[in-house]
Amino acid sequence: MKAKNKNPLYVVKGDEVHPADGVIDLLIKKLNLEPIVNILMNIFKMLFESVNSYAGFMIVKNLFDEFMKKVELFKRFAII
């Protein structure tokens, strides 16, 4: 059985209330970054779909790894 959150997170935008799954989700929704996240996801999806060789895969993988390092640095040094 899944444990229930004792203090669920919510984002209030005007008259609407949206639940958040975690702190990162809360920040994304609060700062209206959902369109940017969707664009980045679509770019990486397109890049990975266009890979047709091992060399191409390694180029896209290295690009993705660099992006994830930047995200990790943000998470590590963020105030939250």
Protein backbone atom coordinates (compact mmCIF):
# COMPACT_ATOMS: atom_id res chain seq x y z
CA MET A 1 0.00 0.00 0.00
CA LYS A 2 1.32 3.45 -0.89
CA ALA A 3 1.90 5.79 2.01
CA LYS A 4 -0.22 8.91 1.91
CA ASN A 5 1.50 12.32 1.92
CA LYS A 6 0.96 14.06 5.22
CA ASN A 7 1.51 17.52 3.73
CA PRO A 8 0.61 17.53 0.04
CA LEU A 9 1.91 20.38 -2.09
CA TYR A 10 -0.41 22.61 -4.09
CA VAL A 11 0.14 25.44 -6.53
CA VAL A 12 -2.44 28.23 -6.58
CA LYS A 13 -2.82 30.14 -9.86
CA GLY A 14 -5.60 32.66 -9.70
CA ASP A 15 -8.76 30.70 -8.95
CA GLU A 16 -7.23 27.30 -9.81
CA VAL A 17 -5.43 24.91 -7.46
CA HIS A 18 -3.07 22.29 -8.93
CA PRO A 19 -1.45 19.46 -6.94
CA ALA A 20 2.35 19.11 -7.14
CA ASP A 21 4.20 15.81 -6.89
CA GLY A 22 7.37 17.26 -5.36
CA VAL A 23 9.42 20.39 -4.89
CA ILE A 24 10.70 20.40 -8.48
CA ASP A 25 7.17 19.93 -9.82
CA LEU A 26 6.02 22.74 -7.52
CA LEU A 27 8.68 25.10 -8.90
CA ILE A 28 7.92 24.17 -12.50
CA LYS A 29 4.22 24.83 -12.03
CA LYS A 30 4.67 27.96 -9.89
CA LEU A 31 7.10 29.58 -12.33
CA ASN A 32 5.09 28.50 -15.40
CA LEU A 33 8.01 26.49 -16.80
CA GLU A 34 5.83 23.67 -18.14
CA PRO A 35 6.04 24.88 -21.78
CA ILE A 36 9.85 25.06 -21.58
CA VAL A 37 10.06 21.58 -20.09
CA ASN A 38 7.79 20.25 -22.83
CA ILE A 39 9.94 21.90 -25.52
CA LEU A 40 13.12 20.40 -24.05
CA MET A 41 11.51 16.96 -23.83
CA ASN A 42 10.42 17.19 -27.48
CA ILE A 43 13.90 18.30 -28.59
CA PHE A 44 15.58 15.38 -26.83
CA LYS A 45 12.94 12.98 -28.14
CA MET A 46 13.56 14.20 -31.68
CA LEU A 47 17.34 13.93 -31.24
CA PHE A 48 17.14 10.37 -29.92
CA GLU A 49 14.71 9.33 -32.68
CA SER A 50 17.09 10.61 -35.36
CA VAL A 51 20.00 8.46 -34.14
CA ASN A 52 20.89 5.75 -36.65
CA SER A 53 24.48 4.86 -35.69
CA TYR A 54 26.53 4.31 -32.58
CA ALA A 55 28.56 7.49 -33.20
CA GLY A 56 25.36 9.52 -33.49
CA PHE A 57 24.05 7.92 -30.33
CA MET A 58 27.21 8.88 -28.43
CA ILE A 59 26.94 12.51 -29.59
CA VAL A 60 23.31 12.76 -28.45
CA LYS A 61 24.09 10.88 -25.21
CA ASN A 62 26.95 13.28 -24.39
CA LEU A 63 24.68 16.26 -25.07
CA PHE A 64 22.01 14.79 -22.82
CA ASP A 65 24.58 14.00 -20.10
CA GLU A 66 25.86 17.59 -20.15
CA PHE A 67 22.30 18.88 -19.81
CA MET A 68 21.67 16.54 -16.88
CA LYS A 69 24.88 17.75 -15.17
CA LYS A 70 23.54 21.31 -15.38
CA VAL A 71 20.24 20.19 -13.86
CA GLU A 72 22.11 18.34 -11.10
CA LEU A 73 24.15 21.46 -10.31
CA PHE A 74 20.92 23.45 -10.08
CA LYS A 75 19.39 20.89 -7.74
CA ARG A 76 22.52 20.70 -5.58
CA PHE A 77 22.96 24.44 -5.10
CA ALA A 78 19.30 25.46 -5.08
CA ILE A 79 17.89 26.90 -1.90
CA ILE A 80 15.21 24.25 -1.66
